[in-house]
């Protein structure tokens, strides 16, 4: 039997508390919801601006007429749902906060107290996520240039929130390709995909940019180890570019005059030597 979700009333409007999606969803209007990412984390609850007109976050113009709402943590709003989500007994929730449940505490301890950098496996080789050096630094390979985030900006996909880069699995490094001249798929390279630096090491990213080390971990999550995905050349548009380059080369060849014909014509038009 499907469990009925708890209801939270905000200024006369009932919202269902959905801990699976971490959102407040208006009862009877599922398209109207307020997600965790829309709220400001207070540590012991959340706060956000609320428009009584839209029953959601206010528009920029409506901010002056909005009110500030503060709600308890999800573990308080729906303890049964949180216990089910994180496979705990109801009595095991005693004294626990949303942060305790939503963020891997072992990973936090390893990163904060032991100073261990997160790692990511790329095509079978481990890399350290080194925010201070602005790179993914290959483990046990000091000859490799690794992968510098500043060099792969153009390979960031905003829609998928991930990088898709050409990668040399033998040298364990990013390899630049010349889109102006490329005419065939490089045989020694592959395409890999991985998240942003902020996702791979949110604690290191926070520290580097002057934020609290634990800021935003509920949204980003925290992993001590990740694995890059194998992508395709289509993900970085290489087959299309190759086709365009070959077509352009063909047009140049077709428009190029025949050398023998030109030489013969020039010979016939030469005058007598003086």
C-alpha atoms as a PDB file:
ATOM      1  CA  UNK A   1       0.000   0.000   0.000  1.00  0.00           C
ATOM      2  CA  UNK A   2       1.336   3.401  -1.020  1.00  0.00           C
ATOM      3  CA  UNK A   3       2.272   5.569   1.930  1.00  0.00           C
ATOM      4  CA  UNK A   4       0.499   8.896   2.255  1.00  0.00           C
ATOM      5  CA  UNK A   5       2.919  11.802   2.238  1.00  0.00           C
ATOM      6  CA  UNK A   6       2.902  14.278   5.129  1.00  0.00           C
ATOM      7  CA  UNK A   7       1.372  17.682   4.502  1.00  0.00           C
ATOM      8  CA  UNK A   8       2.965  21.024   5.304  1.00  0.00           C
ATOM      9  CA  UNK A   9       0.727  24.074   5.236  1.00  0.00           C
ATOM     10  CA  UNK A  10       2.394  27.266   4.021  1.00  0.00           C
ATOM     11  CA  UNK A  11       0.269  30.392   4.348  1.00  0.00           C
ATOM     12  CA  UNK A  12      -2.967  28.485   3.749  1.00  0.00           C
ATOM     13  CA  UNK A  13      -1.691  26.244   0.947  1.00  0.00           C
ATOM     14  CA  UNK A  14      -1.089  22.527   1.521  1.00  0.00           C
ATOM     15  CA  UNK A  15       2.177  21.061   0.220  1.00  0.00           C
ATOM     16  CA  UNK A  16       3.111  17.375   0.152  1.00  0.00           C
ATOM     17  CA  UNK A  17       6.525  16.637   1.674  1.00  0.00           C
ATOM     18  CA  UNK A  18       8.360  14.390  -0.796  1.00  0.00           C
ATOM     19  CA  UNK A  19      11.696  13.222   0.633  1.00  0.00           C
ATOM     20  CA  UNK A  20      12.422  11.051  -2.412  1.00  0.00           C
ATOM     21  CA  UNK A  21      12.797  14.193  -4.494  1.00  0.00           C
ATOM     22  CA  UNK A  22      13.455  16.526  -1.557  1.00  0.00           C
ATOM     23  CA  UNK A  23      10.726  18.907  -2.567  1.00  0.00           C
ATOM     24  CA  UNK A  24       7.485  20.458  -1.359  1.00  0.00           C
ATOM     25  CA  UNK A  25       4.767  19.804  -3.947  1.00  0.00           C
ATOM     26  CA  UNK A  26       1.439  21.610  -3.908  1.00  0.00           C
ATOM     27  CA  UNK A  27      -1.377  19.205  -3.180  1.00  0.00           C
ATOM     28  CA  UNK A  28      -3.594  18.965  -6.249  1.00  0.00           C
ATOM     29  CA  UNK A  29      -1.081  20.811  -8.437  1.00  0.00           C
ATOM     30  CA  UNK A  30       2.007  18.604  -8.915  1.00  0.00           C
ATOM     31  CA  UNK A  31       3.555  21.037 -11.405  1.00  0.00           C
ATOM     32  CA  UNK A  32       3.990  23.579  -8.637  1.00  0.00           C
ATOM     33  CA  UNK A  33       6.859  22.564  -6.350  1.00  0.00           C
ATOM     34  CA  UNK A  34       9.674  24.053  -4.303  1.00  0.00           C
ATOM     35  CA  UNK A  35      12.887  22.015  -4.381  1.00  0.00           C
ATOM     36  CA  UNK A  36      15.746  21.765  -1.924  1.00  0.00           C
ATOM     37  CA  UNK A  37      17.908  23.752  -4.352  1.00  0.00           C
ATOM     38  CA  UNK A  38      15.445  26.654  -4.001  1.00  0.00           C
ATOM     39  CA  UNK A  39      15.969  26.851  -0.239  1.00  0.00           C
ATOM     40  CA  UNK A  40      18.744  28.271   1.934  1.00  0.00           C
ATOM     41  CA  UNK A  41      20.165  25.786   4.387  1.00  0.00           C
ATOM     42  CA  UNK A  42      20.144  27.040   7.984  1.00  0.00           C
ATOM     43  CA  UNK A  43      21.622  23.911   9.528  1.00  0.00           C
ATOM     44  CA  UNK A  44      18.510  23.175  11.597  1.00  0.00           C
ATOM     45  CA  UNK A  45      16.023  23.834   8.819  1.00  0.00           C
ATOM     46  CA  UNK A  46      15.519  25.776   5.597  1.00  0.00           C
ATOM     47  CA  UNK A  47      14.254  29.169   4.558  1.00  0.00           C
ATOM     48  CA  UNK A  48      12.981  30.689   1.317  1.00  0.00           C
ATOM     49  CA  UNK A  49      10.914  33.575   0.012  1.00  0.00           C
ATOM     50  CA  UNK A  50       7.285  32.679  -0.705  1.00  0.00           C
ATOM     51  CA  UNK A  51       4.766  34.443  -2.901  1.00  0.00           C
ATOM     52  CA  UNK A  52       1.157  34.008  -1.804  1.00  0.00           C
ATOM     53  CA  UNK A  53       0.100  34.846  -5.334  1.00  0.00           C
ATOM     54  CA  UNK A  54       2.131  32.210  -7.204  1.00  0.00           C
ATOM     55  CA  UNK A  55       2.381  29.892  -4.191  1.00  0.00           C
ATOM     56  CA  UNK A  56       6.041  29.497  -5.040  1.00  0.00           C
ATOM     57  CA  UNK A  57       9.207  31.553  -5.110  1.00  0.00           C
ATOM     58  CA  UNK A  58       8.435  35.146  -6.076  1.00  0.00           C
ATOM     59  CA  UNK A  59       9.432  36.732  -9.343  1.00  0.00           C
ATOM     60  CA  UNK A  60      11.993  39.517  -9.203  1.00  0.00           C
ATOM     61  CA  UNK A  61       9.244  42.151  -9.196  1.00  0.00           C
ATOM     62  CA  UNK A  62       7.271  40.312  -6.549  1.00  0.00           C
ATOM     63  CA  UNK A  63      10.076  39.997  -4.014  1.00  0.00           C
ATOM     64  CA  UNK A  64       8.920  43.051  -2.054  1.00  0.00           C
ATOM     65  CA  UNK A  65       5.478  41.511  -1.500  1.00  0.00           C
ATOM     66  CA  UNK A  66       6.810  38.043  -0.603  1.00  0.00           C
ATOM     67  CA  UNK A  67       7.250  36.634   2.877  1.00  0.00           C
ATOM     68  CA  UNK A  68      10.120  34.672   4.386  1.00  0.00           C
ATOM     69  CA  UNK A  69       9.222  31.095   5.291  1.00  0.00           C
ATOM     70  CA  UNK A  70      11.239  28.825   7.550  1.00  0.00           C
ATOM     71  CA  UNK A  71      10.599  25.091   7.677  1.00  0.00           C
ATOM     72  CA  UNK A  72      12.123  22.250   9.743  1.00  0.00           C
ATOM     73  CA  UNK A  73      14.512  19.671   8.319  1.00  0.00           C
ATOM     74  CA  UNK A  74      13.087  16.818   6.247  1.00  0.00           C
ATOM     75  CA  UNK A  75      13.979  14.368   9.012  1.00  0.00           C
ATOM     76  CA  UNK A  76      11.483  16.287  11.161  1.00  0.00           C
ATOM     77  CA  UNK A  77       8.869  16.821   8.452  1.00  0.00           C
ATOM     78  CA  UNK A  78       8.816  13.152   7.423  1.00  0.00           C
ATOM     79  CA  UNK A  79      10.857  10.896   9.733  1.00  0.00           C
ATOM     80  CA  UNK A  80       9.188   7.727   8.407  1.00  0.00           C
ATOM     81  CA  UNK A  81      10.047   8.663   4.831  1.00  0.00           C
ATOM     82  CA  UNK A  82      13.664   9.479   5.700  1.00  0.00           C
ATOM     83  CA  UNK A  83      14.039   6.205   7.609  1.00  0.00           C
ATOM     84  CA  UNK A  84      12.712   4.308   4.597  1.00  0.00           C
ATOM     85  CA  UNK A  85      14.890   6.232   2.137  1.00  0.00           C
ATOM     86  CA  UNK A  86      18.104   5.580   4.068  1.00  0.00           C
ATOM     87  CA  UNK A  87      17.169   2.081   5.232  1.00  0.00           C
ATOM     88  CA  UNK A  88      17.104   2.861   8.950  1.00  0.00           C
ATOM     89  CA  UNK A  89      14.777   1.919  11.760  1.00  0.00           C
ATOM     90  CA  UNK A  90      12.672   4.828  13.066  1.00  0.00           C
ATOM     91  CA  UNK A  91      14.455   4.755  16.435  1.00  0.00           C
ATOM     92  CA  UNK A  92      17.824   5.066  14.658  1.00  0.00           C
ATOM     93  CA  UNK A  93      16.910   8.580  13.538  1.00  0.00           C
ATOM     94  CA  UNK A  94      17.209   9.948  17.060  1.00  0.00           C
ATOM     95  CA  UNK A  95      19.600  12.887  17.122  1.00  0.00           C
ATOM     96  CA  UNK A  96      20.322  12.723  13.380  1.00  0.00           C
ATOM     97  CA  UNK A  97      20.071  15.696  11.041  1.00  0.00           C
ATOM     98  CA  UNK A  98      19.413  15.888   7.321  1.00  0.00           C
ATOM     99  CA  UNK A  99      23.156  16.370   6.812  1.00  0.00           C
ATOM    100  CA  UNK A 100      23.924  13.173   8.743  1.00  0.00           C
ATOM    101  CA  UNK A 101      21.674  11.174   6.430  1.00  0.00           C
ATOM    102  CA  UNK A 102      22.109  12.897   3.084  1.00  0.00           C
ATOM    103  CA  UNK A 103      25.909  13.185   3.078  1.00  0.00           C
ATOM    104  CA  UNK A 104      28.351  10.258   3.300  1.00  0.00           C
ATOM    105  CA  UNK A 105      29.883  10.850   6.748  1.00  0.00           C
ATOM    106  CA  UNK A 106      32.795   8.497   6.122  1.00  0.00           C
ATOM    107  CA  UNK A 107      33.700  10.469   2.994  1.00  0.00           C
ATOM    108  CA  UNK A 108      33.480  13.713   4.994  1.00  0.00           C
ATOM    109  CA  UNK A 109      35.830  12.332   7.649  1.00  0.00           C
ATOM    110  CA  UNK A 110      38.369  11.143   5.071  1.00  0.00           C
ATOM    111  CA  UNK A 111      38.354  14.495   3.270  1.00  0.00           C
ATOM    112  CA  UNK A 112      38.155  16.928   6.222  1.00  0.00           C
ATOM    113  CA  UNK A 113      39.980  15.166   9.040  1.00  0.00           C
ATOM    114  CA  UNK A 114      42.426  13.030   7.069  1.00  0.00           C
ATOM    115  CA  UNK A 115      42.976  15.386   4.149  1.00  0.00           C
ATOM    116  CA  UNK A 116      42.600  12.637   1.530  1.00  0.00           C
ATOM    117  CA  UNK A 117      41.926  13.909  -1.979  1.00  0.00           C
ATOM    118  CA  UNK A 118      39.056  12.286  -3.876  1.00  0.00           C
ATOM    119  CA  UNK A 119      40.055  10.117  -6.822  1.00  0.00           C
ATOM    120  CA  UNK A 120      38.504   9.348 -10.187  1.00  0.00           C
ATOM    121  CA  UNK A 121      39.168   6.359 -12.405  1.00  0.00           C
ATOM    122  CA  UNK A 122      39.595   7.285 -16.065  1.00  0.00           C
ATOM    123  CA  UNK A 123      39.857   4.364 -18.469  1.00  0.00           C
ATOM    124  CA  UNK A 124      41.471   2.175 -15.804  1.00  0.00           C
ATOM    125  CA  UNK A 125      43.881   4.724 -14.299  1.00  0.00           C
ATOM    126  CA  UNK A 126      43.366   6.640 -11.045  1.00  0.00           C
ATOM    127  CA  UNK A 127      43.610  10.424 -10.857  1.00  0.00           C
ATOM    128  CA  UNK A 128      43.662  12.697  -7.816  1.00  0.00           C
ATOM    129  CA  UNK A 129      41.150  15.546  -7.915  1.00  0.00           C
ATOM    130  CA  UNK A 130      43.537  18.374  -7.070  1.00  0.00           C
ATOM    131  CA  UNK A 131      41.627  21.664  -6.927  1.00  0.00           C
ATOM    132  CA  UNK A 132      44.652  23.710  -5.788  1.00  0.00           C
ATOM    133  CA  UNK A 133      46.597  22.622  -8.869  1.00  0.00           C
ATOM    134  CA  UNK A 134      43.490  23.020 -11.054  1.00  0.00           C
ATOM    135  CA  UNK A 135      43.802  19.519 -12.421  1.00  0.00           C
ATOM    136  CA  UNK A 136      43.120  15.830 -12.348  1.00  0.00           C
ATOM    137  CA  UNK A 137      46.568  14.582 -11.403  1.00  0.00           C
ATOM    138  CA  UNK A 138      47.443  11.024 -12.506  1.00  0.00           C
ATOM    139  CA  UNK A 139      48.477   8.687  -9.725  1.00  0.00           C
ATOM    140  CA  UNK A 140      51.984   7.178 -10.014  1.00  0.00           C
ATOM    141  CA  UNK A 141      52.718   8.835 -13.374  1.00  0.00           C
ATOM    142  CA  UNK A 142      54.980  11.870 -13.020  1.00  0.00           C
ATOM    143  CA  UNK A 143      55.650  12.110 -16.763  1.00  0.00           C
ATOM    144  CA  UNK A 144      52.022  12.743 -17.586  1.00  0.00           C
ATOM    145  CA  UNK A 145      50.625  16.254 -18.037  1.00  0.00           C
ATOM    146  CA  UNK A 146      47.322  15.098 -16.553  1.00  0.00           C
ATOM    147  CA  UNK A 147      44.106  16.992 -17.187  1.00  0.00           C
ATOM    148  CA  UNK A 148      43.978  20.696 -16.352  1.00  0.00           C
ATOM    149  CA  UNK A 149      40.494  22.130 -15.976  1.00  0.00           C
ATOM    150  CA  UNK A 150      41.610  25.454 -17.489  1.00  0.00           C
ATOM    151  CA  UNK A 151      42.564  23.624 -20.701  1.00  0.00           C
ATOM    152  CA  UNK A 152      39.256  21.832 -21.183  1.00  0.00           C
ATOM    153  CA  UNK A 153      36.819  24.720 -20.734  1.00  0.00           C
ATOM    154  CA  UNK A 154      35.622  24.366 -24.326  1.00  0.00           C
ATOM    155  CA  UNK A 155      34.711  20.746 -23.710  1.00  0.00           C
ATOM    156  CA  UNK A 156      32.264  21.508 -20.895  1.00  0.00           C
ATOM    157  CA  UNK A 157      28.644  20.636 -21.702  1.00  0.00           C
ATOM    158  CA  UNK A 158      26.327  22.945 -19.740  1.00  0.00           C
ATOM    159  CA  UNK A 159      23.234  20.837 -20.431  1.00  0.00           C
ATOM    160  CA  UNK A 160      24.781  17.626 -19.122  1.00  0.00           C
ATOM    161  CA  UNK A 161      26.938  19.442 -16.546  1.00  0.00           C
ATOM    162  CA  UNK A 162      29.992  17.399 -17.481  1.00  0.00           C
ATOM    163  CA  UNK A 163      33.204  17.479 -19.497  1.00  0.00           C
ATOM    164  CA  UNK A 164      33.637  15.436 -22.689  1.00  0.00           C
ATOM    165  CA  UNK A 165      37.296  15.380 -23.701  1.00  0.00           C
ATOM    166  CA  UNK A 166      39.720  13.581 -26.055  1.00  0.00           C
ATOM    167  CA  UNK A 167      41.969  11.488 -23.845  1.00  0.00           C
ATOM    168  CA  UNK A 168      45.210   9.564 -24.339  1.00  0.00           C
ATOM    169  CA  UNK A 169      44.845   6.315 -22.330  1.00  0.00           C
ATOM    170  CA  UNK A 170      48.555   5.484 -22.673  1.00  0.00           C
ATOM    171  CA  UNK A 171      49.948   8.834 -21.574  1.00  0.00           C
ATOM    172  CA  UNK A 172      47.114   9.423 -19.084  1.00  0.00           C
ATOM    173  CA  UNK A 173      46.446  12.965 -20.256  1.00  0.00           C
ATOM    174  CA  UNK A 174      44.168  15.260 -22.201  1.00  0.00           C
ATOM    175  CA  UNK A 175      45.152  15.595 -25.857  1.00  0.00           C
ATOM    176  CA  UNK A 176      44.190  18.584 -27.909  1.00  0.00           C
ATOM    177  CA  UNK A 177      42.920  17.962 -31.433  1.00  0.00           C
ATOM    178  CA  UNK A 178      42.970  20.427 -34.339  1.00  0.00           C
ATOM    179  CA  UNK A 179      39.392  20.888 -35.475  1.00  0.00           C
ATOM    180  CA  UNK A 180      40.579  22.922 -38.484  1.00  0.00           C
ATOM    181  CA  UNK A 181      42.598  20.093 -40.039  1.00  0.00           C
ATOM    182  CA  UNK A 182      41.368  16.796 -38.581  1.00  0.00           C
ATOM    183  CA  UNK A 183      40.388  14.322 -41.328  1.00  0.00           C
ATOM    184  CA  UNK A 184      40.110  11.014 -39.464  1.00  0.00           C
ATOM    185  CA  UNK A 185      39.360   9.667 -35.987  1.00  0.00           C
ATOM    186  CA  UNK A 186      42.591   9.534 -33.943  1.00  0.00           C
ATOM    187  CA  UNK A 187      43.427   5.888 -33.339  1.00  0.00           C
ATOM    188  CA  UNK A 188      45.414   6.519 -30.164  1.00  0.00           C
ATOM    189  CA  UNK A 189      42.725   8.581 -28.408  1.00  0.00           C
ATOM    190  CA  UNK A 190      39.336   7.953 -26.819  1.00  0.00           C
ATOM    191  CA  UNK A 191      36.601  10.245 -25.519  1.00  0.00           C
ATOM    192  CA  UNK A 192      35.770  10.250 -21.799  1.00  0.00           C
ATOM    193  CA  UNK A 193      33.265  12.135 -19.684  1.00  0.00           C
ATOM    194  CA  UNK A 194      33.395  13.226 -16.048  1.00  0.00           C
ATOM    195  CA  UNK A 195      31.709  15.805 -13.758  1.00  0.00           C
ATOM    196  CA  UNK A 196      32.930  19.262 -12.819  1.00  0.00           C
ATOM    197  CA  UNK A 197      35.576  19.960 -10.186  1.00  0.00           C
ATOM    198  CA  UNK A 198      32.862  21.180  -7.819  1.00  0.00           C
ATOM    199  CA  UNK A 199      31.054  17.838  -8.099  1.00  0.00           C
ATOM    200  CA  UNK A 200      34.204  15.717  -7.844  1.00  0.00           C
ATOM    201  CA  UNK A 201      35.553  17.547  -4.787  1.00  0.00           C
ATOM    202  CA  UNK A 202      32.955  19.960  -3.370  1.00  0.00           C
ATOM    203  CA  UNK A 203      34.877  20.404  -0.104  1.00  0.00           C
ATOM    204  CA  UNK A 204      38.103  21.331  -1.901  1.00  0.00           C
ATOM    205  CA  UNK A 205      36.157  23.590  -4.261  1.00  0.00           C
ATOM    206  CA  UNK A 206      34.464  25.368  -1.325  1.00  0.00           C
ATOM    207  CA  UNK A 207      37.765  25.936   0.461  1.00  0.00           C
ATOM    208  CA  UNK A 208      39.468  27.199  -2.681  1.00  0.00           C
ATOM    209  CA  UNK A 209      36.696  29.727  -3.311  1.00  0.00           C
ATOM    210  CA  UNK A 210      36.359  30.911   0.291  1.00  0.00           C
ATOM    211  CA  UNK A 211      33.134  29.126   1.251  1.00  0.00           C
ATOM    212  CA  UNK A 212      32.423  26.961   4.265  1.00  0.00           C
ATOM    213  CA  UNK A 213      33.901  23.517   3.605  1.00  0.00           C
ATOM    214  CA  UNK A 214      30.560  21.725   4.026  1.00  0.00           C
ATOM    215  CA  UNK A 215      28.455  24.222   2.088  1.00  0.00           C
ATOM    216  CA  UNK A 216      26.075  22.700  -0.466  1.00  0.00           C
ATOM    217  CA  UNK A 217      27.009  19.064   0.183  1.00  0.00           C
ATOM    218  CA  UNK A 218      23.347  18.068   0.479  1.00  0.00           C
ATOM    219  CA  UNK A 219      22.844  19.088  -3.140  1.00  0.00           C
ATOM    220  CA  UNK A 220      26.136  17.925  -4.677  1.00  0.00           C
ATOM    221  CA  UNK A 221      26.722  14.852  -2.538  1.00  0.00           C
ATOM    222  CA  UNK A 222      30.216  13.668  -1.641  1.00  0.00           C
ATOM    223  CA  UNK A 223      32.182  10.684  -2.944  1.00  0.00           C
ATOM    224  CA  UNK A 224      35.701   9.582  -2.125  1.00  0.00           C
ATOM    225  CA  UNK A 225      35.961   7.851  -5.497  1.00  0.00           C
ATOM    226  CA  UNK A 226      34.295   8.346  -8.866  1.00  0.00           C
ATOM    227  CA  UNK A 227      34.544   6.742 -12.287  1.00  0.00           C
ATOM    228  CA  UNK A 228      34.627   8.526 -15.618  1.00  0.00           C
ATOM    229  CA  UNK A 229      32.323   7.348 -18.385  1.00  0.00           C
ATOM    230  CA  UNK A 230      33.334   6.329 -21.872  1.00  0.00           C
ATOM    231  CA  UNK A 231      31.818   8.734 -24.384  1.00  0.00           C
ATOM    232  CA  UNK A 232      31.700   8.868 -28.191  1.00  0.00           C
ATOM    233  CA  UNK A 233      33.384  11.066 -30.782  1.00  0.00           C
ATOM    234  CA  UNK A 234      29.939  12.369 -31.644  1.00  0.00           C
ATOM    235  CA  UNK A 235      29.811  13.903 -28.151  1.00  0.00           C
ATOM    236  CA  UNK A 236      32.535  16.339 -29.200  1.00  0.00           C
ATOM    237  CA  UNK A 237      31.319  16.666 -32.827  1.00  0.00           C
ATOM    238  CA  UNK A 238      34.448  15.154 -34.389  1.00  0.00           C
ATOM    239  CA  UNK A 239      32.710  13.031 -37.103  1.00  0.00           C
ATOM    240  CA  UNK A 240      30.762  16.095 -38.261  1.00  0.00           C
ATOM    241  CA  UNK A 241      33.903  18.245 -38.351  1.00  0.00           C
ATOM    242  CA  UNK A 242      35.802  15.562 -40.287  1.00  0.00           C
ATOM    243  CA  UNK A 243      33.005  15.445 -42.845  1.00  0.00           C
ATOM    244  CA  UNK A 244      33.093  19.235 -43.228  1.00  0.00           C
ATOM    245  CA  UNK A 245      36.886  19.288 -43.542  1.00  0.00           C
ATOM    246  CA  UNK A 246      36.884  16.582 -46.225  1.00  0.00           C
ATOM    247  CA  UNK A 247      34.111  18.350 -48.106  1.00  0.00           C
ATOM    248  CA  UNK A 248      36.024  21.620 -47.994  1.00  0.00           C
ATOM    249  CA  UNK A 249      39.171  19.863 -49.215  1.00  0.00           C
ATOM    250  CA  UNK A 250      37.220  18.292 -52.084  1.00  0.00           C
ATOM    251  CA  UNK A 251      35.882  21.684 -53.184  1.00  0.00           C
ATOM    252  CA  UNK A 252      39.371  23.170 -53.106  1.00  0.00           C
ATOM    253  CA  UNK A 253      40.690  20.323 -55.261  1.00  0.00           C
ATOM    254  CA  UNK A 254      37.842  20.693 -57.764  1.00  0.00           C
ATOM    255  CA  UNK A 255      38.447  24.426 -58.109  1.00  0.00           C
ATOM    256  CA  UNK A 256      42.194  24.021 -58.453  1.00  0.00           C
ATOM    257  CA  UNK A 257      43.363  24.567 -62.092  1.00  0.00           C
ATOM    258  CA  UNK A 258      45.176  21.758 -63.902  1.00  0.00           C
ATOM    259  CA  UNK A 259      48.925  22.440 -63.647  1.00  0.00           C
ATOM    260  CA  UNK A 260      49.842  20.920 -67.047  1.00  0.00           C
ATOM    261  CA  UNK A 261      47.184  22.950 -68.864  1.00  0.00           C
ATOM    262  CA  UNK A 262      48.360  26.156 -67.227  1.00  0.00           C
ATOM    263  CA  UNK A 263      52.006  25.448 -68.115  1.00  0.00           C
ATOM    264  CA  UNK A 264      51.115  24.723 -71.742  1.00  0.00           C
ATOM    265  CA  UNK A 265      49.104  27.919 -72.022  1.00  0.00           C
ATOM    266  CA  UNK A 266      51.919  29.969 -70.523  1.00  0.00           C
ATOM    267  CA  UNK A 267      54.422  28.389 -72.978  1.00  0.00           C
ATOM    268  CA  UNK A 268      52.317  29.294 -75.994  1.00  0.00           C
ATOM    269  CA  UNK A 269      51.978  32.909 -74.904  1.00  0.00           C
ATOM    270  CA  UNK A 270      55.696  33.490 -74.369  1.00  0.00           C
ATOM    271  CA  UNK A 271      57.366  35.853 -76.808  1.00  0.00           C
ATOM    272  CA  UNK A 272      60.758  35.527 -78.623  1.00  0.00           C
ATOM    273  CA  UNK A 273      63.798  36.070 -76.421  1.00  0.00           C
ATOM    274  CA  UNK A 274      65.488  39.401 -76.936  1.00  0.00           C
END
